[in-house]
Structures are given as structure tokens and as C-alpha cells.
C-alpha atoms as a PDB file:
ATOM      1  CA  UNK A   1    -121.939 -74.100 -13.117  1.00  0.00           C
ATOM      2  CA  UNK A   2    -121.636 -73.144 -16.728  1.00  0.00           C
ATOM      3  CA  UNK A   3    -124.620 -75.018 -18.067  1.00  0.00           C
ATOM      4  CA  UNK A   4    -128.309 -74.434 -17.535  1.00  0.00           C
ATOM      5  CA  UNK A   5    -128.763 -78.088 -16.568  1.00  0.00           C
ATOM      6  CA  UNK A   6    -126.189 -77.817 -13.783  1.00  0.00           C
ATOM      7  CA  UNK A   7    -127.741 -74.641 -12.425  1.00  0.00           C
ATOM      8  CA  UNK A   8    -131.215 -76.200 -12.608  1.00  0.00           C
ATOM      9  CA  UNK A   9    -130.037 -79.263 -10.687  1.00  0.00           C
ATOM     10  CA  UNK A  10    -128.309 -77.054  -8.109  1.00  0.00           C
ATOM     11  CA  UNK A  11    -131.418 -74.943  -7.500  1.00  0.00           C
ATOM     12  CA  UNK A  12    -133.564 -78.077  -7.375  1.00  0.00           C
ATOM     13  CA  UNK A  13    -131.452 -79.595  -4.622  1.00  0.00           C
ATOM     14  CA  UNK A  14    -131.305 -76.258  -2.782  1.00  0.00           C
ATOM     15  CA  UNK A  15    -135.100 -76.187  -2.852  1.00  0.00           C
ATOM     16  CA  UNK A  16    -135.377 -79.749  -1.536  1.00  0.00           C
ATOM     17  CA  UNK A  17    -132.920 -79.069   1.288  1.00  0.00           C
ATOM     18  CA  UNK A  18    -134.627 -75.812   2.250  1.00  0.00           C
ATOM     19  CA  UNK A  19    -138.086 -77.409   2.246  1.00  0.00           C
ATOM     20  CA  UNK A  20    -136.693 -80.116   4.533  1.00  0.00           C
ATOM     21  CA  UNK A  21    -135.199 -77.551   6.893  1.00  0.00           C
ATOM     22  CA  UNK A  22    -138.417 -75.518   6.936  1.00  0.00           C
ATOM     23  CA  UNK A  23    -140.460 -78.643   7.667  1.00  0.00           C
ATOM     24  CA  UNK A  24    -138.090 -79.710  10.439  1.00  0.00           C
ATOM     25  CA  UNK A  25    -138.164 -76.237  12.032  1.00  0.00           C
ATOM     26  CA  UNK A  26    -141.971 -76.088  11.891  1.00  0.00           C
ATOM     27  CA  UNK A  27    -142.356 -79.571  13.389  1.00  0.00           C
ATOM     28  CA  UNK A  28    -139.741 -78.889  16.073  1.00  0.00           C
ATOM     29  CA  UNK A  29    -141.420 -75.634  17.079  1.00  0.00           C
ATOM     30  CA  UNK A  30    -144.829 -77.311  16.999  1.00  0.00           C
ATOM     31  CA  UNK A  31    -143.875 -80.124  19.335  1.00  0.00           C
ATOM     32  CA  UNK A  32    -141.304 -78.396  21.540  1.00  0.00           C
ATOM     33  CA  UNK A  33    -142.634 -74.827  21.682  1.00  0.00           C
ATOM     34  CA  UNK A  34    -142.738 -74.525  25.486  1.00  0.00           C
ATOM     35  CA  UNK A  35    -139.168 -75.685  26.256  1.00  0.00           C
ATOM     36  CA  UNK A  36    -137.734 -73.794  23.292  1.00  0.00           C
ATOM     37  CA  UNK A  37    -139.640 -70.613  24.196  1.00  0.00           C
ATOM     38  CA  UNK A  38    -138.506 -70.905  27.803  1.00  0.00           C
ATOM     39  CA  UNK A  39    -134.896 -71.310  26.699  1.00  0.00           C
ATOM     40  CA  UNK A  40    -135.033 -68.375  24.282  1.00  0.00           C
ATOM     41  CA  UNK A  41    -136.824 -66.202  26.837  1.00  0.00           C
ATOM     42  CA  UNK A  42    -133.998 -66.805  29.308  1.00  0.00           C
ATOM     43  CA  UNK A  43    -131.249 -66.366  26.703  1.00  0.00           C
ATOM     44  CA  UNK A  44    -132.520 -63.148  25.154  1.00  0.00           C
ATOM     45  CA  UNK A  45    -134.652 -61.647  27.918  1.00  0.00           C
ATOM     46  CA  UNK A  46    -137.852 -61.748  25.888  1.00  0.00           C
ATOM     47  CA  UNK A  47    -141.412 -62.444  26.921  1.00  0.00           C
ATOM     48  CA  UNK A  48    -142.687 -65.891  25.923  1.00  0.00           C
ATOM     49  CA  UNK A  49    -145.749 -64.327  24.254  1.00  0.00           C
ATOM     50  CA  UNK A  50    -143.491 -62.269  21.978  1.00  0.00           C
ATOM     51  CA  UNK A  51    -141.570 -65.382  21.023  1.00  0.00           C
ATOM     52  CA  UNK A  52    -144.605 -67.043  19.436  1.00  0.00           C
ATOM     53  CA  UNK A  53    -144.914 -64.069  17.101  1.00  0.00           C
ATOM     54  CA  UNK A  54    -141.178 -64.177  16.409  1.00  0.00           C
ATOM     55  CA  UNK A  55    -141.295 -67.908  15.587  1.00  0.00           C
ATOM     56  CA  UNK A  56    -144.192 -67.384  13.177  1.00  0.00           C
ATOM     57  CA  UNK A  57    -142.403 -64.464  11.535  1.00  0.00           C
ATOM     58  CA  UNK A  58    -139.201 -66.518  11.232  1.00  0.00           C
ATOM     59  CA  UNK A  59    -141.005 -69.400   9.516  1.00  0.00           C
ATOM     60  CA  UNK A  60    -142.908 -67.047   7.202  1.00  0.00           C
ATOM     61  CA  UNK A  61    -139.797 -65.118   6.157  1.00  0.00           C
ATOM     62  CA  UNK A  62    -137.820 -68.325   5.626  1.00  0.00           C
ATOM     63  CA  UNK A  63    -140.595 -69.691   3.432  1.00  0.00           C
ATOM     64  CA  UNK A  64    -140.780 -66.503   1.355  1.00  0.00           C
ATOM     65  CA  UNK A  65    -136.990 -66.406   0.927  1.00  0.00           C
ATOM     66  CA  UNK A  66    -136.926 -70.062  -0.089  1.00  0.00           C
ATOM     67  CA  UNK A  67    -139.650 -69.535  -2.678  1.00  0.00           C
ATOM     68  CA  UNK A  68    -138.128 -66.364  -4.131  1.00  0.00           C
ATOM     69  CA  UNK A  69    -134.476 -67.434  -4.113  1.00  0.00           C
ATOM     70  CA  UNK A  70    -134.764 -71.158  -4.895  1.00  0.00           C
ATOM     71  CA  UNK A  71    -138.116 -72.326  -6.186  1.00  0.00           C
ATOM     72  CA  UNK A  72    -138.966 -69.536  -8.637  1.00  0.00           C
ATOM     73  CA  UNK A  73    -135.552 -69.579 -10.386  1.00  0.00           C
ATOM     74  CA  UNK A  74    -135.740 -73.389 -10.527  1.00  0.00           C
ATOM     75  CA  UNK A  75    -139.163 -73.276 -12.186  1.00  0.00           C
ATOM     76  CA  UNK A  76    -138.015 -70.562 -14.595  1.00  0.00           C
ATOM     77  CA  UNK A  77    -135.003 -72.642 -15.633  1.00  0.00           C
ATOM     78  CA  UNK A  78    -137.184 -75.743 -16.064  1.00  0.00           C
ATOM     79  CA  UNK A  79    -139.505 -73.767 -18.348  1.00  0.00           C
ATOM     80  CA  UNK A  80    -136.565 -72.451 -20.372  1.00  0.00           C
ATOM     81  CA  UNK A  81    -134.950 -75.858 -20.871  1.00  0.00           C
END
């Protein structure tokens, strides 16, 4: 990873993969919220109402981390090149 082009390509693919994972997680939680919440409530001893807030917080924090750590550096490198 010595060149700017290599680093730009790396961050671009990281962004694509992370967007795919975020989309998959959001769709999976959207369609299978009840069975997943029931499973997590049993595993961790949490209330199912608290889990909805936890799922939303998880998706929001993942999105922010993906933007800050992948997308913004990728855009900055594209502008520089």
C-alpha cells in the first residue's frame, strides 16, 4: 500500500463491502425482527423493547463509523488524485 491509487482502491472496496453489510443487517432486522429479538432477549436477558433501541443504535453507529473511517478518506484521496 505504498501508492495513493492502491490506498484509494482499498478504501473504495472497504466502503462497498461495509455498505453491503449495513444493507444486509438493516434488511435482516427489518424482516426478522421478532425472531431475532426473541433470540437475543433469551441469550442476554434483555427486554424485547430495549432491543429495538439497541438495534437502531447499532445500525446508526455502524453507519457513522463506515462514513468516517471508509467513505470520507476515500473521497479525500479521490479529490487529491
